[in-house]
Amino acid sequence: MKRMLSAALVAVVLGATAPVALAYLKLGTRQGTALITLRWNSMPVRYFVTNRDVPNVTAPQLRDAAGRAFATWAGVPNVAISSQFVGFTGATPSSGDGATVLGFTNRPDLDRVLGSTSFIVDTVSGEVLESDIFFNSTFAWSAASAGETNRHDIESIALHEIGHLLGLGHSMLGETVNDGGRRVLGAEAVMFPIAFSPGTLNRTLKADDVAGISDIYGADTFRKATGSVTGRITKNGAGVLGAHVIAFNPATGAMVGGFTLSPDGTFVIAGLEPGPQLIRVEPLDDGDVGSFLDPGLNIDADFQAAFYPKLVTVPRGGTSRSVDISVVAK
């Protein structure tokens, strides 16, 4: 059975219309009561680029930027990802034509969306059959190696959208301020759903991105070299659904985030560096819930942020003892 899904980045907002966030960073689809991870089962990912230029970015420049972005994801150690540019096409990025297409589309109606990724997936296996990415030509773009003032960097946005294409959902590891428009102060993930201001480059994967892509495509070498934390978030004895849980490595400063995705409040954060980790839980109350989790879920954001009282030791190639945190209402 096939199904069309999508995801988006805002400027403003970066996008993927997420179906179900299967795990801390992975996209997924429901099959009965089971959650199936979205992923490409066949490599390389073969893609076309729409043969359309926009001011300051030609179709060949978009091809080159997308190629570098694919290479950045494929460069994560011990992951099985590859891609192949097939050629230019007159087709626009639109799901259902059997081809994976990246290109510019004029969408003035989406005045906060820089780019968006859509999918055709096999809902039984979770295999991605087709994925298309459009970049909104309503905005000013740049392909300059050092970026340009007042223009959005096409490689940075392509890196985010290709993360979606590969199966990643949005990360909540970032900080914004609302000063008449949502502005990013800092982000600990390329997959944060709100873009930096025009002129800013965001071409380097963070620990959260690496953990997510490795969780989907990582080899046994990765799993043997890293560990995971599991536990449960409760309030008044009942599980908390949609809590944001963060593992922070005080030795390296790396942060990896996850969510409680079941009514009993359980969570798992994989791909962590072995050793002590600080665990924090916070409500999903400073962003659009639909950018992270299935909007149909009954998310509980009525609680105060809390820490696990001790450092948690993550074993190499294994899982820590259960980390249970009880939170209280605001």
C-alpha atoms as a PDB file:
ATOM      1  CA  MET A   1       0.000   0.000   0.000  1.00  0.00           C
ATOM      2  CA  LYS A   2       1.382   3.415  -0.982  1.00  0.00           C
ATOM      3  CA  ARG A   3       0.850   6.670   0.856  1.00  0.00           C
ATOM      4  CA  MET A   4       1.887  10.277   0.263  1.00  0.00           C
ATOM      5  CA  LEU A   5       3.489  12.175   3.144  1.00  0.00           C
ATOM      6  CA  SER A   6       5.270  15.525   3.431  1.00  0.00           C
ATOM      7  CA  ALA A   7       7.512  17.754   5.662  1.00  0.00           C
ATOM      8  CA  ALA A   8       8.599  21.573   5.753  1.00  0.00           C
ATOM      9  CA  LEU A   9      11.290  24.186   6.903  1.00  0.00           C
ATOM     10  CA  VAL A  10      10.288  27.630   8.063  1.00  0.00           C
ATOM     11  CA  ALA A  11      12.123  30.898   7.822  1.00  0.00           C
ATOM     12  CA  VAL A  12      10.893  31.031   8.986  1.00  0.00           C
ATOM     13  CA  VAL A  13      10.105  27.363   8.710  1.00  0.00           C
ATOM     14  CA  LEU A  14      11.867  24.405   7.190  1.00  0.00           C
ATOM     15  CA  GLY A  15       9.680  21.644   6.212  1.00  0.00           C
ATOM     16  CA  ALA A  16       8.699  18.173   6.171  1.00  0.00           C
ATOM     17  CA  THR A  17       5.123  17.382   6.776  1.00  0.00           C
ATOM     18  CA  ALA A  18       5.802  14.731   9.271  1.00  0.00           C
ATOM     19  CA  PRO A  19       3.491  11.759   9.473  1.00  0.00           C
ATOM     20  CA  VAL A  20       4.414  10.149  12.776  1.00  0.00           C
ATOM     21  CA  ALA A  21       7.693  10.903  14.505  1.00  0.00           C
ATOM     22  CA  LEU A  22       8.695   7.320  15.045  1.00  0.00           C
ATOM     23  CA  ALA A  23      11.577   8.020  17.346  1.00  0.00           C
ATOM     24  CA  TYR A  24      13.612  10.987  18.479  1.00  0.00           C
ATOM     25  CA  LEU A  25      14.476  12.007  14.939  1.00  0.00           C
ATOM     26  CA  LYS A  26      13.013   9.424  12.615  1.00  0.00           C
ATOM     27  CA  LEU A  27       9.918   9.739  10.474  1.00  0.00           C
ATOM     28  CA  GLY A  28       7.520   6.824  10.417  1.00  0.00           C
ATOM     29  CA  THR A  29       4.138   5.540   9.406  1.00  0.00           C
ATOM     30  CA  ARG A  30       1.559   3.484  11.278  1.00  0.00           C
ATOM     31  CA  GLN A  31       0.740  -0.103  10.321  1.00  0.00           C
ATOM     32  CA  GLY A  32      -2.003  -1.157  12.702  1.00  0.00           C
ATOM     33  CA  THR A  33      -0.571  -0.589  16.165  1.00  0.00           C
ATOM     34  CA  ALA A  34       3.031  -0.759  14.924  1.00  0.00           C
ATOM     35  CA  LEU A  35       5.239   2.182  13.945  1.00  0.00           C
ATOM     36  CA  ILE A  36       7.359   1.579  10.850  1.00  0.00           C
ATOM     37  CA  THR A  37      10.534   3.601  10.204  1.00  0.00           C
ATOM     38  CA  LEU A  38      10.757   5.443   6.883  1.00  0.00           C
ATOM     39  CA  ARG A  39      13.967   4.668   4.989  1.00  0.00           C
ATOM     40  CA  TRP A  40      15.413   3.976   1.556  1.00  0.00           C
ATOM     41  CA  ASN A  41      16.034   0.258   1.213  1.00  0.00           C
ATOM     42  CA  SER A  42      17.838   0.613  -2.102  1.00  0.00           C
ATOM     43  CA  MET A  43      20.919   2.777  -2.671  1.00  0.00           C
ATOM     44  CA  PRO A  44      21.944   4.990  -4.310  1.00  0.00           C
ATOM     45  CA  VAL A  45      19.090   7.489  -4.027  1.00  0.00           C
ATOM     46  CA  ARG A  46      18.644   8.537  -7.668  1.00  0.00           C
ATOM     47  CA  TYR A  47      17.407  12.099  -8.146  1.00  0.00           C
ATOM     48  CA  PHE A  48      16.715  14.703 -10.805  1.00  0.00           C
ATOM     49  CA  VAL A  49      16.972  18.495 -10.602  1.00  0.00           C
ATOM     50  CA  THR A  50      14.378  20.746 -12.224  1.00  0.00           C
ATOM     51  CA  ASN A  51      15.968  22.704 -15.062  1.00  0.00           C
ATOM     52  CA  ARG A  52      14.914  26.099 -13.766  1.00  0.00           C
ATOM     53  CA  ASP A  53      17.085  29.008 -12.650  1.00  0.00           C
ATOM     54  CA  VAL A  54      16.159  31.641 -10.079  1.00  0.00           C
ATOM     55  CA  PRO A  55      17.978  34.933  -9.392  1.00  0.00           C
ATOM     56  CA  ASN A  56      21.502  34.156  -8.106  1.00  0.00           C
ATOM     57  CA  VAL A  57      21.097  30.344  -8.316  1.00  0.00           C
ATOM     58  CA  THR A  58      21.177  28.349 -11.552  1.00  0.00           C
ATOM     59  CA  ALA A  59      19.966  24.780 -11.925  1.00  0.00           C
ATOM     60  CA  PRO A  60      23.601  23.522 -12.125  1.00  0.00           C
ATOM     61  CA  GLN A  61      24.384  25.397  -8.913  1.00  0.00           C
ATOM     62  CA  LEU A  62      21.402  23.754  -7.219  1.00  0.00           C
ATOM     63  CA  ARG A  63      22.665  20.377  -8.478  1.00  0.00           C
ATOM     64  CA  ASP A  64      26.105  21.060  -7.003  1.00  0.00           C
ATOM     65  CA  ALA A  65      24.690  22.253  -3.666  1.00  0.00           C
ATOM     66  CA  ALA A  66      22.442  19.195  -3.415  1.00  0.00           C
ATOM     67  CA  GLY A  67      25.383  16.936  -4.259  1.00  0.00           C
ATOM     68  CA  ARG A  68      27.448  18.439  -1.448  1.00  0.00           C
ATOM     69  CA  ALA A  69      24.520  18.110   0.961  1.00  0.00           C
ATOM     70  CA  PHE A  70      24.024  14.436   0.068  1.00  0.00           C
ATOM     71  CA  ALA A  71      27.775  13.917   0.537  1.00  0.00           C
ATOM     72  CA  THR A  72      27.626  15.501   4.006  1.00  0.00           C
ATOM     73  CA  TRP A  73      25.012  12.986   5.159  1.00  0.00           C
ATOM     74  CA  ALA A  74      26.868  10.122   3.469  1.00  0.00           C
ATOM     75  CA  GLY A  75      30.063  11.263   5.192  1.00  0.00           C
ATOM     76  CA  VAL A  76      28.798  10.287   8.635  1.00  0.00           C
ATOM     77  CA  PRO A  77      31.001   7.334   9.677  1.00  0.00           C
ATOM     78  CA  ASN A  78      29.533   3.848   9.371  1.00  0.00           C
ATOM     79  CA  VAL A  79      26.302   4.800   7.587  1.00  0.00           C
ATOM     80  CA  ALA A  80      25.129   3.208   4.353  1.00  0.00           C
ATOM     81  CA  ILE A  81      24.006   6.197   2.264  1.00  0.00           C
ATOM     82  CA  SER A  82      24.788   7.020  -1.353  1.00  0.00           C
ATOM     83  CA  SER A  83      23.182   9.165  -4.046  1.00  0.00           C
ATOM     84  CA  GLN A  84      23.280   9.657  -7.797  1.00  0.00           C
ATOM     85  CA  PHE A  85      22.332  12.714  -9.842  1.00  0.00           C
ATOM     86  CA  VAL A  86      20.481  11.358 -12.868  1.00  0.00           C
ATOM     87  CA  GLY A  87      20.014  14.542 -14.869  1.00  0.00           C
ATOM     88  CA  PHE A  88      18.046  17.733 -15.355  1.00  0.00           C
ATOM     89  CA  THR A  89      14.327  17.537 -16.000  1.00  0.00           C
ATOM     90  CA  GLY A  90      11.465  19.776 -17.011  1.00  0.00           C
ATOM     91  CA  ALA A  91       9.345  18.189 -14.303  1.00  0.00           C
ATOM     92  CA  THR A  92       8.652  20.079 -11.089  1.00  0.00           C
ATOM     93  CA  PRO A  93       8.961  18.507  -7.630  1.00  0.00           C
ATOM     94  CA  SER A  94       5.588  16.790  -7.321  1.00  0.00           C
ATOM     95  CA  SER A  95       4.903  13.415  -5.779  1.00  0.00           C
ATOM     96  CA  GLY A  96       3.353  10.672  -7.819  1.00  0.00           C
ATOM     97  CA  ASP A  97       5.349  10.765 -11.043  1.00  0.00           C
ATOM     98  CA  GLY A  98       7.766   8.013  -9.994  1.00  0.00           C
ATOM     99  CA  ALA A  99      10.836  10.264  -9.971  1.00  0.00           C
ATOM    100  CA  THR A 100      12.647  11.951  -7.077  1.00  0.00           C
ATOM    101  CA  VAL A 101      12.984  15.616  -8.075  1.00  0.00           C
ATOM    102  CA  LEU A 102      14.609  18.626  -6.385  1.00  0.00           C
ATOM    103  CA  GLY A 103      13.865  22.088  -7.707  1.00  0.00           C
ATOM    104  CA  PHE A 104      12.589  25.617  -7.271  1.00  0.00           C
ATOM    105  CA  THR A 105       8.857  26.282  -7.185  1.00  0.00           C
ATOM    106  CA  ASN A 106       7.158  29.659  -6.843  1.00  0.00           C
ATOM    107  CA  ARG A 107       4.883  29.415  -3.794  1.00  0.00           C
ATOM    108  CA  PRO A 108       4.013  32.936  -2.586  1.00  0.00           C
ATOM    109  CA  ASP A 109       1.078  31.439  -0.685  1.00  0.00           C
ATOM    110  CA  LEU A 110       3.614  29.675   1.591  1.00  0.00           C
ATOM    111  CA  ASP A 111       5.164  32.899   2.770  1.00  0.00           C
ATOM    112  CA  ARG A 112       6.943  31.296   5.747  1.00  0.00           C
ATOM    113  CA  VAL A 113       8.121  28.080   4.085  1.00  0.00           C
ATOM    114  CA  LEU A 114      11.597  28.005   2.546  1.00  0.00           C
ATOM    115  CA  GLY A 115      11.419  24.373   1.468  1.00  0.00           C
ATOM    116  CA  SER A 116       9.367  21.241   1.849  1.00  0.00           C
ATOM    117  CA  THR A 117       9.868  17.508   1.314  1.00  0.00           C
ATOM    118  CA  SER A 118       7.170  15.041   0.304  1.00  0.00           C
ATOM    119  CA  PHE A 119       7.231  11.247   0.103  1.00  0.00           C
ATOM    120  CA  ILE A 120       5.549   8.281  -1.493  1.00  0.00           C
ATOM    121  CA  VAL A 121       6.072   5.374   0.898  1.00  0.00           C
ATOM    122  CA  ASP A 122       5.153   1.730   1.224  1.00  0.00           C
ATOM    123  CA  THR A 123       3.126   1.849   4.433  1.00  0.00           C
ATOM    124  CA  VAL A 124       3.699  -1.847   5.118  1.00  0.00           C
ATOM    125  CA  SER A 125       7.499  -1.863   4.948  1.00  0.00           C
ATOM    126  CA  GLY A 126       8.237   1.853   5.473  1.00  0.00           C
ATOM    127  CA  GLU A 127      10.311   1.916   2.277  1.00  0.00           C
ATOM    128  CA  VAL A 128      10.548   5.339   0.616  1.00  0.00           C
ATOM    129  CA  LEU A 129       9.601   4.903  -3.039  1.00  0.00           C
ATOM    130  CA  GLU A 130       9.844   8.521  -4.111  1.00  0.00           C
ATOM    131  CA  SER A 131      10.681  11.830  -2.464  1.00  0.00           C
ATOM    132  CA  ASP A 132      10.496  15.364  -3.844  1.00  0.00           C
ATOM    133  CA  ILE A 133      11.927  18.602  -2.490  1.00  0.00           C
ATOM    134  CA  PHE A 134      10.844  22.068  -3.509  1.00  0.00           C
ATOM    135  CA  PHE A 135      12.644  25.288  -2.607  1.00  0.00           C
ATOM    136  CA  ASN A 136      10.376  28.310  -2.534  1.00  0.00           C
ATOM    137  CA  SER A 137      11.565  30.772  -5.179  1.00  0.00           C
ATOM    138  CA  THR A 138       9.540  33.532  -3.505  1.00  0.00           C
ATOM    139  CA  PHE A 139      12.576  33.969  -1.224  1.00  0.00           C
ATOM    140  CA  ALA A 140      16.004  35.332  -2.191  1.00  0.00           C
ATOM    141  CA  TRP A 141      18.609  32.553  -2.576  1.00  0.00           C
ATOM    142  CA  SER A 142      22.379  32.288  -2.788  1.00  0.00           C
ATOM    143  CA  ALA A 143      24.839  29.631  -3.941  1.00  0.00           C
ATOM    144  CA  ALA A 144      27.917  31.611  -2.882  1.00  0.00           C
ATOM    145  CA  SER A 145      30.515  29.577  -1.010  1.00  0.00           C
ATOM    146  CA  ALA A 146      30.603  32.082   1.876  1.00  0.00           C
ATOM    147  CA  GLY A 147      26.931  33.014   1.707  1.00  0.00           C
ATOM    148  CA  GLU A 148      25.430  36.410   0.912  1.00  0.00           C
ATOM    149  CA  THR A 149      23.746  38.977   3.125  1.00  0.00           C
ATOM    150  CA  ASN A 150      19.937  38.923   2.969  1.00  0.00           C
ATOM    151  CA  ARG A 151      19.857  35.688   0.916  1.00  0.00           C
ATOM    152  CA  HIS A 152      19.186  32.157   2.136  1.00  0.00           C
ATOM    153  CA  ASP A 153      21.990  29.682   1.514  1.00  0.00           C
ATOM    154  CA  ILE A 154      20.729  26.937  -0.795  1.00  0.00           C
ATOM    155  CA  GLU A 155      23.213  24.324   0.474  1.00  0.00           C
ATOM    156  CA  SER A 156      22.183  24.858   4.109  1.00  0.00           C
ATOM    157  CA  ILE A 157      18.493  24.471   3.320  1.00  0.00           C
ATOM    158  CA  ALA A 158      19.181  21.517   1.005  1.00  0.00           C
ATOM    159  CA  LEU A 159      21.076  19.795   3.831  1.00  0.00           C
ATOM    160  CA  HIS A 160      18.000  20.092   6.059  1.00  0.00           C
ATOM    161  CA  GLU A 161      15.539  18.950   3.391  1.00  0.00           C
ATOM    162  CA  ILE A 162      17.708  16.011   2.305  1.00  0.00           C
ATOM    163  CA  GLY A 163      17.735  14.982   5.969  1.00  0.00           C
ATOM    164  CA  HIS A 164      13.960  14.675   5.643  1.00  0.00           C
ATOM    165  CA  LEU A 165      14.313  12.845   2.318  1.00  0.00           C
ATOM    166  CA  LEU A 166      16.484  10.269   4.109  1.00  0.00           C
ATOM    167  CA  GLY A 167      13.883   9.772   6.852  1.00  0.00           C
ATOM    168  CA  LEU A 168      14.666  12.273   9.603  1.00  0.00           C
ATOM    169  CA  GLY A 169      12.035  14.332  11.371  1.00  0.00           C
ATOM    170  CA  HIS A 170      12.551  17.657  13.107  1.00  0.00           C
ATOM    171  CA  SER A 171      14.765  18.134  16.134  1.00  0.00           C
ATOM    172  CA  MET A 172      13.756  20.437  18.980  1.00  0.00           C
ATOM    173  CA  LEU A 173      17.354  21.290  19.907  1.00  0.00           C
ATOM    174  CA  GLY A 174      17.370  25.002  19.232  1.00  0.00           C
ATOM    175  CA  GLU A 175      16.499  28.341  20.750  1.00  0.00           C
ATOM    176  CA  THR A 176      14.432  31.124  19.211  1.00  0.00           C
ATOM    177  CA  VAL A 177      13.175  34.566  20.147  1.00  0.00           C
ATOM    178  CA  ASN A 178       9.965  36.214  19.009  1.00  0.00           C
ATOM    179  CA  ASP A 179      10.840  39.833  18.280  1.00  0.00           C
ATOM    180  CA  GLY A 180       8.132  40.518  15.744  1.00  0.00           C
ATOM    181  CA  GLY A 181       9.090  37.370  13.864  1.00  0.00           C
ATOM    182  CA  ARG A 182      10.522  34.070  15.017  1.00  0.00           C
ATOM    183  CA  ARG A 183      14.335  34.315  14.953  1.00  0.00           C
ATOM    184  CA  VAL A 184      16.844  31.543  15.706  1.00  0.00           C
ATOM    185  CA  LEU A 185      19.386  32.344  18.403  1.00  0.00           C
ATOM    186  CA  GLY A 186      21.114  28.984  18.165  1.00  0.00           C
ATOM    187  CA  ALA A 187      20.495  25.449  16.968  1.00  0.00           C
ATOM    188  CA  GLU A 188      22.116  22.171  17.975  1.00  0.00           C
ATOM    189  CA  ALA A 189      20.762  20.360  14.942  1.00  0.00           C
ATOM    190  CA  VAL A 190      20.554  20.933  11.206  1.00  0.00           C
ATOM    191  CA  MET A 191      17.095  19.390  11.539  1.00  0.00           C
ATOM    192  CA  PHE A 192      15.780  22.222  13.738  1.00  0.00           C
ATOM    193  CA  PRO A 193      12.605  23.350  11.902  1.00  0.00           C
ATOM    194  CA  ILE A 194      13.247  27.103  11.913  1.00  0.00           C
ATOM    195  CA  ALA A 195      15.961  28.517   9.660  1.00  0.00           C
ATOM    196  CA  PHE A 196      18.642  30.987  10.638  1.00  0.00           C
ATOM    197  CA  SER A 197      18.373  34.534   9.298  1.00  0.00           C
ATOM    198  CA  PRO A 198      19.329  35.098   5.640  1.00  0.00           C
ATOM    199  CA  GLY A 199      23.065  35.130   5.066  1.00  0.00           C
ATOM    200  CA  THR A 200      23.800  32.508   7.733  1.00  0.00           C
ATOM    201  CA  LEU A 201      25.425  29.191   6.805  1.00  0.00           C
ATOM    202  CA  ASN A 202      24.304  25.958   8.508  1.00  0.00           C
ATOM    203  CA  ARG A 203      26.207  23.252   6.634  1.00  0.00           C
ATOM    204  CA  THR A 204      27.646  21.202   9.514  1.00  0.00           C
ATOM    205  CA  LEU A 205      25.839  18.258  11.109  1.00  0.00           C
ATOM    206  CA  LYS A 206      25.513  18.274  14.890  1.00  0.00           C
ATOM    207  CA  ALA A 207      25.517  15.342  17.332  1.00  0.00           C
ATOM    208  CA  ASP A 208      21.715  15.105  17.167  1.00  0.00           C
ATOM    209  CA  ASP A 209      21.752  14.831  13.369  1.00  0.00           C
ATOM    210  CA  VAL A 210      24.520  12.228  13.416  1.00  0.00           C
ATOM    211  CA  ALA A 211      22.719  10.107  16.013  1.00  0.00           C
ATOM    212  CA  GLY A 212      19.484  10.235  14.023  1.00  0.00           C
ATOM    213  CA  ILE A 213      20.904   9.297  10.624  1.00  0.00           C
ATOM    214  CA  SER A 214      23.081   6.598  12.223  1.00  0.00           C
ATOM    215  CA  ASP A 215      20.034   5.147  13.960  1.00  0.00           C
ATOM    216  CA  ILE A 216      18.397   4.645  10.553  1.00  0.00           C
ATOM    217  CA  TYR A 217      21.343   3.674   8.341  1.00  0.00           C
ATOM    218  CA  GLY A 218      24.134   2.892  10.790  1.00  0.00           C
ATOM    219  CA  ALA A 219      26.150  -0.313  10.521  1.00  0.00           C
ATOM    220  CA  ASP A 220      26.850  -2.713  13.386  1.00  0.00           C
ATOM    221  CA  THR A 221      30.126  -0.862  13.929  1.00  0.00           C
ATOM    222  CA  PHE A 222      28.184   2.230  14.958  1.00  0.00           C
ATOM    223  CA  ARG A 223      25.857   0.344  17.281  1.00  0.00           C
ATOM    224  CA  LYS A 224      28.757  -1.428  18.973  1.00  0.00           C
ATOM    225  CA  ALA A 225      30.576   1.871  19.510  1.00  0.00           C
ATOM    226  CA  THR A 226      27.633   3.814  20.959  1.00  0.00           C
ATOM    227  CA  GLY A 227      24.947   3.253  23.563  1.00  0.00           C
ATOM    228  CA  SER A 228      21.446   4.302  24.485  1.00  0.00           C
ATOM    229  CA  VAL A 229      19.352   5.618  27.360  1.00  0.00           C
ATOM    230  CA  THR A 230      15.853   4.409  28.073  1.00  0.00           C
ATOM    231  CA  GLY A 231      13.373   5.421  30.704  1.00  0.00           C
ATOM    232  CA  ARG A 232       9.972   6.828  31.530  1.00  0.00           C
ATOM    233  CA  ILE A 233       8.549  10.295  32.201  1.00  0.00           C
ATOM    234  CA  THR A 234       5.533  10.417  34.532  1.00  0.00           C
ATOM    235  CA  LYS A 235       3.267  12.989  36.154  1.00  0.00           C
ATOM    236  CA  ASN A 236       1.045  12.038  39.087  1.00  0.00           C
ATOM    237  CA  GLY A 237       1.912   8.405  38.378  1.00  0.00           C
ATOM    238  CA  ALA A 238       0.726   8.492  34.734  1.00  0.00           C
ATOM    239  CA  GLY A 239       2.899   8.583  31.621  1.00  0.00           C
ATOM    240  CA  VAL A 240       3.600  11.871  29.836  1.00  0.00           C
ATOM    241  CA  LEU A 241       3.168  11.777  26.068  1.00  0.00           C
ATOM    242  CA  GLY A 242       5.296  14.109  23.943  1.00  0.00           C
ATOM    243  CA  ALA A 243       7.852  15.138  26.565  1.00  0.00           C
ATOM    244  CA  HIS A 244      11.155  16.336  25.097  1.00  0.00           C
ATOM    245  CA  VAL A 245      14.061  14.416  26.650  1.00  0.00           C
ATOM    246  CA  ILE A 246      17.680  15.537  26.180  1.00  0.00           C
ATOM    247  CA  ALA A 247      20.923  13.629  26.790  1.00  0.00           C
ATOM    248  CA  PHE A 248      23.870  16.002  27.360  1.00  0.00           C
ATOM    249  CA  ASN A 249      27.465  14.808  27.422  1.00  0.00           C
ATOM    250  CA  PRO A 250      29.338  17.130  29.859  1.00  0.00           C
ATOM    251  CA  ALA A 251      32.705  15.969  28.521  1.00  0.00           C
ATOM    252  CA  THR A 252      32.078  16.878  24.877  1.00  0.00           C
ATOM    253  CA  GLY A 253      29.071  19.207  25.025  1.00  0.00           C
ATOM    254  CA  ALA A 254      27.148  16.974  22.597  1.00  0.00           C
ATOM    255  CA  MET A 255      23.346  17.009  22.904  1.00  0.00           C
ATOM    256  CA  VAL A 256      20.955  14.416  21.497  1.00  0.00           C
ATOM    257  CA  GLY A 257      17.209  14.765  21.910  1.00  0.00           C
ATOM    258  CA  GLY A 258      14.234  12.451  21.927  1.00  0.00           C
ATOM    259  CA  PHE A 259      10.551  12.331  22.786  1.00  0.00           C
ATOM    260  CA  THR A 260       8.232  10.129  24.798  1.00  0.00           C
ATOM    261  CA  LEU A 261       6.086   8.652  22.062  1.00  0.00           C
ATOM    262  CA  SER A 262       3.672   6.399  23.922  1.00  0.00           C
ATOM    263  CA  PRO A 263       1.008   7.113  26.554  1.00  0.00           C
ATOM    264  CA  ASP A 264       3.034   5.333  29.242  1.00  0.00           C
ATOM    265  CA  GLY A 265       5.791   7.965  28.916  1.00  0.00           C
ATOM    266  CA  THR A 266       8.626   5.712  27.773  1.00  0.00           C
ATOM    267  CA  PHE A 267      11.527   6.998  25.684  1.00  0.00           C
ATOM    268  CA  VAL A 268      14.700   5.699  24.052  1.00  0.00           C
ATOM    269  CA  ILE A 269      17.613   7.867  22.889  1.00  0.00           C
ATOM    270  CA  ALA A 270      20.145   5.919  20.838  1.00  0.00           C
ATOM    271  CA  GLY A 271      23.471   6.787  19.218  1.00  0.00           C
ATOM    272  CA  LEU A 272      24.991   8.245  22.382  1.00  0.00           C
ATOM    273  CA  GLU A 273      28.686   8.450  23.187  1.00  0.00           C
ATOM    274  CA  PRO A 274      29.589   6.000  25.978  1.00  0.00           C
ATOM    275  CA  GLY A 275      30.128   7.537  29.393  1.00  0.00           C
ATOM    276  CA  PRO A 276      28.283   9.903  31.743  1.00  0.00           C
ATOM    277  CA  GLN A 277      25.256  11.782  30.376  1.00  0.00           C
ATOM    278  CA  LEU A 278      23.021  14.406  31.985  1.00  0.00           C
ATOM    279  CA  ILE A 279      19.311  13.794  31.304  1.00  0.00           C
ATOM    280  CA  ARG A 280      16.805  16.649  31.188  1.00  0.00           C
ATOM    281  CA  VAL A 281      13.089  16.652  30.336  1.00  0.00           C
ATOM    282  CA  GLU A 282      11.070  19.661  29.210  1.00  0.00           C
ATOM    283  CA  PRO A 283       7.594  20.288  27.779  1.00  0.00           C
ATOM    284  CA  LEU A 284       7.002  20.804  24.081  1.00  0.00           C
ATOM    285  CA  ASP A 285       5.564  24.278  24.670  1.00  0.00           C
ATOM    286  CA  ASP A 286       7.770  26.639  22.671  1.00  0.00           C
ATOM    287  CA  GLY A 287       7.099  25.407  19.159  1.00  0.00           C
ATOM    288  CA  ASP A 288       4.419  24.107  16.834  1.00  0.00           C
ATOM    289  CA  VAL A 289       3.674  20.566  18.021  1.00  0.00           C
ATOM    290  CA  GLY A 290       2.800  19.561  14.466  1.00  0.00           C
ATOM    291  CA  SER A 291       6.387  20.348  13.399  1.00  0.00           C
ATOM    292  CA  PHE A 292       7.676  17.547  15.619  1.00  0.00           C
ATOM    293  CA  LEU A 293       4.980  14.968  16.318  1.00  0.00           C
ATOM    294  CA  ASP A 294       1.743  13.740  14.813  1.00  0.00           C
ATOM    295  CA  PRO A 295      -0.729  16.599  15.446  1.00  0.00           C
ATOM    296  CA  GLY A 296      -3.369  13.998  16.318  1.00  0.00           C
ATOM    297  CA  LEU A 297      -1.494  12.930  19.444  1.00  0.00           C
ATOM    298  CA  ASN A 298      -2.701  14.210  22.815  1.00  0.00           C
ATOM    299  CA  ILE A 299       0.546  15.929  23.822  1.00  0.00           C
ATOM    300  CA  ASP A 300       0.956  16.913  27.489  1.00  0.00           C
ATOM    301  CA  ALA A 301       2.907  20.179  27.796  1.00  0.00           C
ATOM    302  CA  ASP A 302       1.642  21.098  31.265  1.00  0.00           C
ATOM    303  CA  PHE A 303       4.677  20.314  33.389  1.00  0.00           C
ATOM    304  CA  GLN A 304       7.870  21.918  34.628  1.00  0.00           C
ATOM    305  CA  ALA A 305      11.295  21.061  33.220  1.00  0.00           C
ATOM    306  CA  ALA A 306      13.262  18.620  35.364  1.00  0.00           C
ATOM    307  CA  PHE A 307      16.621  16.826  35.570  1.00  0.00           C
ATOM    308  CA  TYR A 308      17.451  13.277  36.513  1.00  0.00           C
ATOM    309  CA  PRO A 309      19.306  13.759  39.839  1.00  0.00           C
ATOM    310  CA  LYS A 310      22.381  11.730  38.859  1.00  0.00           C
ATOM    311  CA  LEU A 311      24.649  11.396  35.845  1.00  0.00           C
ATOM    312  CA  VAL A 312      23.662   8.346  33.827  1.00  0.00           C
ATOM    313  CA  THR A 313      26.425   6.088  32.525  1.00  0.00           C
ATOM    314  CA  VAL A 314      25.828   4.976  28.955  1.00  0.00           C
ATOM    315  CA  PRO A 315      27.519   1.626  28.216  1.00  0.00           C
ATOM    316  CA  ARG A 316      29.309   1.000  24.937  1.00  0.00           C
ATOM    317  CA  GLY A 317      27.092  -1.164  22.725  1.00  0.00           C
ATOM    318  CA  GLY A 318      24.325  -1.364  25.333  1.00  0.00           C
ATOM    319  CA  THR A 319      21.541   0.447  27.177  1.00  0.00           C
ATOM    320  CA  SER A 320      21.683   2.245  30.512  1.00  0.00           C
ATOM    321  CA  ARG A 321      19.569   1.282  33.472  1.00  0.00           C
ATOM    322  CA  SER A 322      16.083   2.776  33.305  1.00  0.00           C
ATOM    323  CA  VAL A 323      15.953   6.535  33.822  1.00  0.00           C
ATOM    324  CA  ASP A 324      12.620   7.444  35.412  1.00  0.00           C
ATOM    325  CA  ILE A 325      11.771  11.089  35.984  1.00  0.00           C
ATOM    326  CA  SER A 326       8.626  12.341  37.720  1.00  0.00           C
ATOM    327  CA  VAL A 327       7.532  15.833  36.697  1.00  0.00           C
ATOM    328  CA  VAL A 328       5.014  18.222  38.267  1.00  0.00           C
ATOM    329  CA  ALA A 329       2.416  20.482  36.691  1.00  0.00           C
ATOM    330  CA  LYS A 330       3.286  24.113  36.006  1.00  0.00           C
END
